[in-house]
Amino acid sequence: MSFSDEMRALISKGKTEDALEQTAQWFQGKDKDLSNTLLLLQSQWNQNKRNERMGIVSSQELSISRNRIIHGLLSILSDVEGMERDNPEPDAGNSAPGGAPIPKDHRIRVFISYAHEDREFVNKLNKHLAPLRRKEVDNWEDSEILPGAAWNEEIERKLKEAKIILLMISPDFMNSDFIYTKELPIALQRHKDGDAIVIPVILRPSLWDTEEFAGIQALPRGARPIVQWPDEDEAFVDVASGLRRVIKSIRDNRTRS
């Protein structure tokens, strides 16, 4: 089955969000304009989910918006189909540069704790984590909670499953009562017990250096806030590289044990 057919199959199964993500990954390095269009569709999809959770959109409006997104994705998949015909690729199974992807149940699970005001930073980080997500990590954030799911219970479950927990530090993160009362206690206890690794990612300047997690090595290097870097992409590359080193250390320890 071709990639475009696989994505259409996902859409037909109601997994449009997965299809959006995989198609965005497929287009990386191939077509900048279509990549940007896909990022916009993903952003609209995530906004719909937030609006639905907050109850500020009617079911009719939500349906219309989602149908527009699906229509846009199907249009892009028609372009994919043409590219597949013009440039057929050999079947590589599920291989990827640098080796075959690790089976999903053996991947390192990463939980991203963030304030919703910093959603843009999370989106940028996810782009830079794409090579890792394709092969060896599963990262999770609360935007992936399905409609009807128990919010608190799902977050707690994912926190307890994660091997790496990223704290996206900013004034809004520090101001979030939910993060401080629900997410941080679990994250820091698991870090203390050696069951998970907590990594603060400094997004914006804030009074975080007096907090319990201030003694944990942060990213990017020097704990310099990402917004203070001359090039934000360089800062996110530094974060992704640091995360890759941690993942390698976890895998090496698993191999030795």
C-alpha atoms as a PDB file:
ATOM      1  CA  MET A   1       0.000   0.000   0.000  1.00  0.00           C
ATOM      2  CA  SER A   2       1.345   3.438  -0.924  1.00  0.00           C
ATOM      3  CA  PHE A   3       1.867   6.153   1.682  1.00  0.00           C
ATOM      4  CA  SER A   4      -1.032   8.209   0.309  1.00  0.00           C
ATOM      5  CA  ASP A   5      -3.345   5.185   0.544  1.00  0.00           C
ATOM      6  CA  GLU A   6      -2.192   4.513   4.108  1.00  0.00           C
ATOM      7  CA  MET A   7      -3.031   8.089   5.084  1.00  0.00           C
ATOM      8  CA  ARG A   8      -6.470   7.893   3.461  1.00  0.00           C
ATOM      9  CA  ALA A   9      -7.073   4.694   5.412  1.00  0.00           C
ATOM     10  CA  LEU A  10      -6.194   6.489   8.655  1.00  0.00           C
ATOM     11  CA  ILE A  11      -8.631   9.288   7.825  1.00  0.00           C
ATOM     12  CA  SER A  12     -11.396   6.787   7.093  1.00  0.00           C
ATOM     13  CA  LYS A  13     -10.779   5.242  10.533  1.00  0.00           C
ATOM     14  CA  GLY A  14     -11.182   8.618  12.221  1.00  0.00           C
ATOM     15  CA  LYS A  15      -7.441   9.049  12.813  1.00  0.00           C
ATOM     16  CA  THR A  16      -7.059  12.332  10.971  1.00  0.00           C
ATOM     17  CA  GLU A  17      -4.662  13.732  13.561  1.00  0.00           C
ATOM     18  CA  ASP A  18      -2.261  10.816  13.008  1.00  0.00           C
ATOM     19  CA  ALA A  19      -2.552  11.284   9.253  1.00  0.00           C
ATOM     20  CA  LEU A  20      -1.737  14.986   9.589  1.00  0.00           C
ATOM     21  CA  GLU A  21       1.360  14.280  11.662  1.00  0.00           C
ATOM     22  CA  GLN A  22       2.683  11.510   9.431  1.00  0.00           C
ATOM     23  CA  THR A  23       2.051  13.495   6.258  1.00  0.00           C
ATOM     24  CA  ALA A  24       3.862  16.494   7.753  1.00  0.00           C
ATOM     25  CA  GLN A  25       6.832  14.249   8.513  1.00  0.00           C
ATOM     26  CA  TRP A  26       6.718  12.794   4.986  1.00  0.00           C
ATOM     27  CA  PHE A  27       6.946  16.271   3.455  1.00  0.00           C
ATOM     28  CA  GLN A  28       9.901  17.457   5.525  1.00  0.00           C
ATOM     29  CA  GLY A  29      12.661  18.419   3.105  1.00  0.00           C
ATOM     30  CA  LYS A  30      10.434  17.805   0.081  1.00  0.00           C
ATOM     31  CA  ASP A  31       8.140  20.816  -0.353  1.00  0.00           C
ATOM     32  CA  LYS A  32       8.345  23.846   1.932  1.00  0.00           C
ATOM     33  CA  ASP A  33       5.006  25.345   0.870  1.00  0.00           C
ATOM     34  CA  LEU A  34       3.055  22.136   1.458  1.00  0.00           C
ATOM     35  CA  SER A  35       4.919  21.589   4.736  1.00  0.00           C
ATOM     36  CA  ASN A  36       3.754  25.016   5.892  1.00  0.00           C
ATOM     37  CA  THR A  37       0.195  24.229   4.794  1.00  0.00           C
ATOM     38  CA  LEU A  38       0.273  21.017   6.822  1.00  0.00           C
ATOM     39  CA  LEU A  39       1.548  22.863   9.884  1.00  0.00           C
ATOM     40  CA  LEU A  40      -1.366  25.263   9.529  1.00  0.00           C
ATOM     41  CA  LEU A  41      -3.837  22.360   9.277  1.00  0.00           C
ATOM     42  CA  GLN A  42      -2.301  20.772  12.387  1.00  0.00           C
ATOM     43  CA  SER A  43      -2.582  24.064  14.245  1.00  0.00           C
ATOM     44  CA  GLN A  44      -6.240  24.396  13.255  1.00  0.00           C
ATOM     45  CA  TRP A  45      -6.917  20.810  14.366  1.00  0.00           C
ATOM     46  CA  ASN A  46      -5.312  21.445  17.771  1.00  0.00           C
ATOM     47  CA  GLN A  47      -7.236  24.702  18.152  1.00  0.00           C
ATOM     48  CA  ASN A  48     -10.482  22.837  17.479  1.00  0.00           C
ATOM     49  CA  LYS A  49      -9.621  20.352  20.217  1.00  0.00           C
ATOM     50  CA  ARG A  50      -8.929  23.136  22.695  1.00  0.00           C
ATOM     51  CA  ASN A  51     -12.137  24.952  21.769  1.00  0.00           C
ATOM     52  CA  GLU A  52     -14.106  21.726  22.168  1.00  0.00           C
ATOM     53  CA  ARG A  53     -12.630  21.086  25.629  1.00  0.00           C
ATOM     54  CA  MET A  54     -13.465  24.635  26.675  1.00  0.00           C
ATOM     55  CA  GLY A  55     -16.996  24.354  25.282  1.00  0.00           C
ATOM     56  CA  ILE A  56     -16.682  27.499  23.152  1.00  0.00           C
ATOM     57  CA  VAL A  57     -17.582  25.924  19.820  1.00  0.00           C
ATOM     58  CA  SER A  58     -20.801  24.267  18.691  1.00  0.00           C
ATOM     59  CA  SER A  59     -20.803  20.724  17.341  1.00  0.00           C
ATOM     60  CA  GLN A  60     -21.893  22.051  13.952  1.00  0.00           C
ATOM     61  CA  GLU A  61     -19.034  24.566  13.788  1.00  0.00           C
ATOM     62  CA  LEU A  62     -16.597  21.885  14.906  1.00  0.00           C
ATOM     63  CA  SER A  63     -17.811  19.473  12.233  1.00  0.00           C
ATOM     64  CA  ILE A  64     -17.522  22.111   9.502  1.00  0.00           C
ATOM     65  CA  SER A  65     -13.992  23.046  10.566  1.00  0.00           C
ATOM     66  CA  ARG A  66     -12.829  19.427  10.770  1.00  0.00           C
ATOM     67  CA  ASN A  67     -14.298  18.655   7.365  1.00  0.00           C
ATOM     68  CA  ARG A  68     -12.389  21.592   5.896  1.00  0.00           C
ATOM     69  CA  ILE A  69      -9.167  20.304   7.429  1.00  0.00           C
ATOM     70  CA  ILE A  70      -9.816  16.795   6.090  1.00  0.00           C
ATOM     71  CA  HIS A  71     -10.591  18.224   2.652  1.00  0.00           C
ATOM     72  CA  GLY A  72      -7.299  20.149   2.748  1.00  0.00           C
ATOM     73  CA  LEU A  73      -5.381  17.040   3.785  1.00  0.00           C
ATOM     74  CA  LEU A  74      -6.980  14.926   1.055  1.00  0.00           C
ATOM     75  CA  SER A  75      -6.003  17.577  -1.480  1.00  0.00           C
ATOM     76  CA  ILE A  76      -2.396  17.369  -0.284  1.00  0.00           C
ATOM     77  CA  LEU A  77      -2.508  13.568  -0.453  1.00  0.00           C
ATOM     78  CA  SER A  78      -3.405  13.895  -4.134  1.00  0.00           C
ATOM     79  CA  ASP A  79      -0.092  15.734  -4.543  1.00  0.00           C
ATOM     80  CA  VAL A  80       1.632  12.965  -2.589  1.00  0.00           C
ATOM     81  CA  GLU A  81       0.139  10.393  -4.947  1.00  0.00           C
ATOM     82  CA  GLY A  82       1.551  12.264  -7.932  1.00  0.00           C
ATOM     83  CA  MET A  83       4.975  12.492  -6.301  1.00  0.00           C
ATOM     84  CA  GLU A  84       4.892   8.760  -5.578  1.00  0.00           C
ATOM     85  CA  ARG A  85       4.172   8.016  -9.240  1.00  0.00           C
ATOM     86  CA  ASP A  86       6.913  10.348 -10.458  1.00  0.00           C
ATOM     87  CA  ASN A  87       9.506   9.225  -7.915  1.00  0.00           C
ATOM     88  CA  PRO A  88       8.811   5.647  -6.841  1.00  0.00           C
ATOM     89  CA  GLU A  89      10.838   4.588  -3.820  1.00  0.00           C
ATOM     90  CA  PRO A  90      11.955   1.060  -3.004  1.00  0.00           C
ATOM     91  CA  ASP A  91      10.069  -0.630  -0.202  1.00  0.00           C
ATOM     92  CA  ALA A  92      12.218  -0.233   2.864  1.00  0.00           C
ATOM     93  CA  GLY A  93       9.794  -1.881   5.240  1.00  0.00           C
ATOM     94  CA  ASN A  94       9.631   0.612   8.061  1.00  0.00           C
ATOM     95  CA  SER A  95      13.306   1.479   7.936  1.00  0.00           C
ATOM     96  CA  ALA A  96      14.630   4.954   8.555  1.00  0.00           C
ATOM     97  CA  PRO A  97      17.983   6.666   8.137  1.00  0.00           C
ATOM     98  CA  GLY A  98      20.372   5.379  10.758  1.00  0.00           C
ATOM     99  CA  GLY A  99      18.466   2.130  11.339  1.00  0.00           C
ATOM    100  CA  ALA A 100      15.002   0.644  11.586  1.00  0.00           C
ATOM    101  CA  PRO A 101      12.479   2.281  13.917  1.00  0.00           C
ATOM    102  CA  ILE A 102      12.159   0.729  17.330  1.00  0.00           C
ATOM    103  CA  PRO A 103       8.807  -1.036  17.912  1.00  0.00           C
ATOM    104  CA  LYS A 104       6.314   1.303  19.581  1.00  0.00           C
ATOM    105  CA  ASP A 105       6.138  -0.681  22.825  1.00  0.00           C
ATOM    106  CA  HIS A 106       9.933  -0.390  23.247  1.00  0.00           C
ATOM    107  CA  ARG A 107      10.240   3.325  22.558  1.00  0.00           C
ATOM    108  CA  ILE A 108      11.220   5.883  25.184  1.00  0.00           C
ATOM    109  CA  ARG A 109       8.095   7.693  26.362  1.00  0.00           C
ATOM    110  CA  VAL A 110       8.390  11.459  26.788  1.00  0.00           C
ATOM    111  CA  PHE A 111       5.821  13.613  28.629  1.00  0.00           C
ATOM    112  CA  ILE A 112       5.748  17.344  27.869  1.00  0.00           C
ATOM    113  CA  SER A 113       4.470  19.506  30.729  1.00  0.00           C
ATOM    114  CA  TYR A 114       3.693  23.040  29.574  1.00  0.00           C
ATOM    115  CA  ALA A 115       1.402  26.034  30.004  1.00  0.00           C
ATOM    116  CA  HIS A 116      -1.033  26.436  27.125  1.00  0.00           C
ATOM    117  CA  GLU A 117       0.250  29.973  26.574  1.00  0.00           C
ATOM    118  CA  ASP A 118       3.503  28.330  25.432  1.00  0.00           C
ATOM    119  CA  ARG A 119       1.865  26.097  22.837  1.00  0.00           C
ATOM    120  CA  GLU A 120       3.896  27.708  20.041  1.00  0.00           C
ATOM    121  CA  PHE A 121       7.132  26.601  21.717  1.00  0.00           C
ATOM    122  CA  VAL A 122       5.845  23.030  22.030  1.00  0.00           C
ATOM    123  CA  ASN A 123       4.996  22.990  18.321  1.00  0.00           C
ATOM    124  CA  LYS A 124       8.506  24.166  17.453  1.00  0.00           C
ATOM    125  CA  LEU A 125      10.079  21.584  19.748  1.00  0.00           C
ATOM    126  CA  ASN A 126       8.008  18.823  18.150  1.00  0.00           C
ATOM    127  CA  LYS A 127       9.382  19.770  14.736  1.00  0.00           C
ATOM    128  CA  HIS A 128      12.940  19.422  15.997  1.00  0.00           C
ATOM    129  CA  LEU A 129      12.105  16.113  17.679  1.00  0.00           C
ATOM    130  CA  ALA A 130      10.721  14.644  14.439  1.00  0.00           C
ATOM    131  CA  PRO A 131      13.831  12.492  13.710  1.00  0.00           C
ATOM    132  CA  LEU A 132      13.594  11.004  17.206  1.00  0.00           C
ATOM    133  CA  ARG A 133       9.821  10.526  17.036  1.00  0.00           C
ATOM    134  CA  ARG A 134      10.125   8.603  13.785  1.00  0.00           C
ATOM    135  CA  LYS A 135      12.440   6.022  15.245  1.00  0.00           C
ATOM    136  CA  GLU A 136      12.780   5.858  19.000  1.00  0.00           C
ATOM    137  CA  VAL A 137      10.524   8.074  21.117  1.00  0.00           C
ATOM    138  CA  ASP A 138       6.834   8.584  21.753  1.00  0.00           C
ATOM    139  CA  ASN A 139       6.195  12.066  23.088  1.00  0.00           C
ATOM    140  CA  TRP A 140       2.870  13.002  24.656  1.00  0.00           C
ATOM    141  CA  GLU A 141       1.142  16.227  25.645  1.00  0.00           C
ATOM    142  CA  ASP A 142      -2.353  16.998  26.890  1.00  0.00           C
ATOM    143  CA  SER A 143      -3.587  18.101  23.453  1.00  0.00           C
ATOM    144  CA  GLU A 144      -3.697  14.383  22.599  1.00  0.00           C
ATOM    145  CA  ILE A 145      -6.397  13.633  25.164  1.00  0.00           C
ATOM    146  CA  LEU A 146      -9.425  12.311  23.311  1.00  0.00           C
ATOM    147  CA  PRO A 147     -12.902  13.801  23.746  1.00  0.00           C
ATOM    148  CA  GLY A 148     -14.715  12.061  26.588  1.00  0.00           C
ATOM    149  CA  ALA A 149     -11.531  10.908  28.326  1.00  0.00           C
ATOM    150  CA  ALA A 150     -11.033  11.648  32.025  1.00  0.00           C
ATOM    151  CA  TRP A 151      -8.617  14.589  31.919  1.00  0.00           C
ATOM    152  CA  ASN A 152      -6.831  14.229  35.287  1.00  0.00           C
ATOM    153  CA  GLU A 153      -6.636  10.449  35.146  1.00  0.00           C
ATOM    154  CA  GLU A 154      -5.204  10.447  31.616  1.00  0.00           C
ATOM    155  CA  ILE A 155      -2.509  12.990  32.484  1.00  0.00           C
ATOM    156  CA  GLU A 156      -1.547  11.065  35.620  1.00  0.00           C
ATOM    157  CA  ARG A 157      -1.368   7.797  33.674  1.00  0.00           C
ATOM    158  CA  LYS A 158       0.865   9.296  30.984  1.00  0.00           C
ATOM    159  CA  LEU A 159       3.110  10.908  33.606  1.00  0.00           C
ATOM    160  CA  LYS A 160       3.586   7.546  35.302  1.00  0.00           C
ATOM    161  CA  GLU A 161       4.346   5.841  31.969  1.00  0.00           C
ATOM    162  CA  ALA A 162       6.934   8.401  30.848  1.00  0.00           C
ATOM    163  CA  LYS A 163      10.662   7.766  31.123  1.00  0.00           C
ATOM    164  CA  ILE A 164      11.514  11.400  30.347  1.00  0.00           C
ATOM    165  CA  ILE A 165       9.466  14.381  31.557  1.00  0.00           C
ATOM    166  CA  LEU A 166      10.122  17.770  29.974  1.00  0.00           C
ATOM    167  CA  LEU A 167       9.169  20.864  32.000  1.00  0.00           C
ATOM    168  CA  MET A 168       8.667  23.793  29.618  1.00  0.00           C
ATOM    169  CA  ILE A 169       9.639  26.596  31.995  1.00  0.00           C
ATOM    170  CA  SER A 170       8.169  30.089  31.590  1.00  0.00           C
ATOM    171  CA  PRO A 171       6.262  32.637  33.693  1.00  0.00           C
ATOM    172  CA  ASP A 172       3.012  30.989  32.580  1.00  0.00           C
ATOM    173  CA  PHE A 173       4.323  27.559  33.593  1.00  0.00           C
ATOM    174  CA  MET A 174       5.215  28.971  37.009  1.00  0.00           C
ATOM    175  CA  ASN A 175       1.760  30.549  37.255  1.00  0.00           C
ATOM    176  CA  SER A 176      -0.151  27.334  36.525  1.00  0.00           C
ATOM    177  CA  ASP A 177      -1.828  25.900  39.623  1.00  0.00           C
ATOM    178  CA  PHE A 178      -2.699  22.731  37.714  1.00  0.00           C
ATOM    179  CA  ILE A 179       0.938  22.067  36.840  1.00  0.00           C
ATOM    180  CA  TYR A 180       2.086  22.755  40.398  1.00  0.00           C
ATOM    181  CA  THR A 181      -0.567  20.685  42.137  1.00  0.00           C
ATOM    182  CA  LYS A 182      -1.104  17.851  39.649  1.00  0.00           C
ATOM    183  CA  GLU A 183       1.879  17.368  37.338  1.00  0.00           C
ATOM    184  CA  LEU A 184       4.986  18.530  39.204  1.00  0.00           C
ATOM    185  CA  PRO A 185       4.533  16.407  42.366  1.00  0.00           C
ATOM    186  CA  ILE A 186       4.298  13.217  40.306  1.00  0.00           C
ATOM    187  CA  ALA A 187       7.142  14.218  37.981  1.00  0.00           C
ATOM    188  CA  LEU A 188       9.563  15.173  40.754  1.00  0.00           C
ATOM    189  CA  GLN A 189       8.755  12.109  42.864  1.00  0.00           C
ATOM    190  CA  ARG A 190       9.407   9.809  39.905  1.00  0.00           C
ATOM    191  CA  HIS A 191      12.671  11.661  39.239  1.00  0.00           C
ATOM    192  CA  LYS A 192      13.671  11.291  42.905  1.00  0.00           C
ATOM    193  CA  ASP A 193      12.837   7.568  42.843  1.00  0.00           C
ATOM    194  CA  GLY A 194      14.883   7.046  39.672  1.00  0.00           C
ATOM    195  CA  ASP A 195      11.841   5.951  37.679  1.00  0.00           C
ATOM    196  CA  ALA A 196      11.975   8.897  35.265  1.00  0.00           C
ATOM    197  CA  ILE A 197      14.295  11.721  34.239  1.00  0.00           C
ATOM    198  CA  VAL A 198      12.982  15.272  34.598  1.00  0.00           C
ATOM    199  CA  ILE A 199      14.518  17.863  32.268  1.00  0.00           C
ATOM    200  CA  PRO A 200      13.620  21.550  32.622  1.00  0.00           C
ATOM    201  CA  VAL A 201      13.553  23.328  29.243  1.00  0.00           C
ATOM    202  CA  ILE A 202      13.914  27.065  29.801  1.00  0.00           C
ATOM    203  CA  LEU A 203      11.651  28.891  27.363  1.00  0.00           C
ATOM    204  CA  ARG A 204      11.393  32.374  28.846  1.00  0.00           C
ATOM    205  CA  PRO A 205      12.978  34.160  31.823  1.00  0.00           C
ATOM    206  CA  SER A 206      11.216  33.495  35.126  1.00  0.00           C
ATOM    207  CA  LEU A 207      11.938  32.992  38.824  1.00  0.00           C
ATOM    208  CA  TRP A 208      12.509  29.257  38.513  1.00  0.00           C
ATOM    209  CA  ASP A 209      15.929  29.109  40.195  1.00  0.00           C
ATOM    210  CA  THR A 210      14.412  28.820  43.688  1.00  0.00           C
ATOM    211  CA  GLU A 211      12.158  25.887  42.788  1.00  0.00           C
ATOM    212  CA  GLU A 212      12.793  22.253  43.687  1.00  0.00           C
ATOM    213  CA  PHE A 213      13.659  21.412  40.092  1.00  0.00           C
ATOM    214  CA  ALA A 214      16.297  24.184  39.947  1.00  0.00           C
ATOM    215  CA  GLY A 215      18.938  21.637  40.965  1.00  0.00           C
ATOM    216  CA  ILE A 216      18.245  19.507  37.894  1.00  0.00           C
ATOM    217  CA  GLN A 217      20.384  20.029  34.784  1.00  0.00           C
ATOM    218  CA  ALA A 218      18.343  22.114  32.349  1.00  0.00           C
ATOM    219  CA  LEU A 219      18.293  22.669  28.596  1.00  0.00           C
ATOM    220  CA  PRO A 220      19.315  24.445  26.427  1.00  0.00           C
ATOM    221  CA  ARG A 221      22.961  24.631  27.495  1.00  0.00           C
ATOM    222  CA  GLY A 222      23.687  27.105  30.233  1.00  0.00           C
ATOM    223  CA  ALA A 223      19.953  27.242  31.051  1.00  0.00           C
ATOM    224  CA  ARG A 224      19.765  30.211  28.705  1.00  0.00           C
ATOM    225  CA  PRO A 225      16.103  30.924  27.876  1.00  0.00           C
ATOM    226  CA  ILE A 226      15.266  29.988  24.302  1.00  0.00           C
ATOM    227  CA  VAL A 227      13.859  33.450  23.561  1.00  0.00           C
ATOM    228  CA  GLN A 228      17.266  34.965  24.352  1.00  0.00           C
ATOM    229  CA  TRP A 229      19.102  32.955  21.713  1.00  0.00           C
ATOM    230  CA  PRO A 230      19.907  34.880  18.498  1.00  0.00           C
ATOM    231  CA  ASP A 231      18.479  31.922  16.552  1.00  0.00           C
ATOM    232  CA  GLU A 232      15.617  29.987  18.168  1.00  0.00           C
ATOM    233  CA  ASP A 233      16.169  27.041  15.825  1.00  0.00           C
ATOM    234  CA  GLU A 234      19.700  26.710  17.186  1.00  0.00           C
ATOM    235  CA  ALA A 235      18.291  26.668  20.715  1.00  0.00           C
ATOM    236  CA  PHE A 236      15.786  23.938  19.866  1.00  0.00           C
ATOM    237  CA  VAL A 237      18.520  21.901  18.157  1.00  0.00           C
ATOM    238  CA  ASP A 238      20.487  22.141  21.403  1.00  0.00           C
ATOM    239  CA  VAL A 239      17.453  20.882  23.333  1.00  0.00           C
ATOM    240  CA  ALA A 240      16.853  18.022  20.882  1.00  0.00           C
ATOM    241  CA  SER A 241      20.541  17.055  20.981  1.00  0.00           C
ATOM    242  CA  GLY A 242      20.505  17.023  24.769  1.00  0.00           C
ATOM    243  CA  LEU A 243      17.404  14.863  24.762  1.00  0.00           C
ATOM    244  CA  ARG A 244      19.043  12.477  22.300  1.00  0.00           C
ATOM    245  CA  ARG A 245      22.012  12.064  24.668  1.00  0.00           C
ATOM    246  CA  VAL A 246      19.659  11.234  27.534  1.00  0.00           C
ATOM    247  CA  ILE A 247      17.831   8.681  25.377  1.00  0.00           C
ATOM    248  CA  LYS A 248      21.143   7.051  24.433  1.00  0.00           C
ATOM    249  CA  SER A 249      22.101   6.855  28.103  1.00  0.00           C
ATOM    250  CA  ILE A 250      18.787   5.184  28.961  1.00  0.00           C
ATOM    251  CA  ARG A 251      19.218   2.644  26.167  1.00  0.00           C
ATOM    252  CA  ASP A 252      22.826   1.923  27.157  1.00  0.00           C
ATOM    253  CA  ASN A 253      21.727   1.282  30.739  1.00  0.00           C
ATOM    254  CA  ARG A 254      18.982  -1.054  29.526  1.00  0.00           C
ATOM    255  CA  THR A 255      21.516  -2.978  27.440  1.00  0.00           C
ATOM    256  CA  ARG A 256      23.927  -3.372  30.364  1.00  0.00           C
ATOM    257  CA  SER A 257      21.141  -4.571  32.650  1.00  0.00           C
END
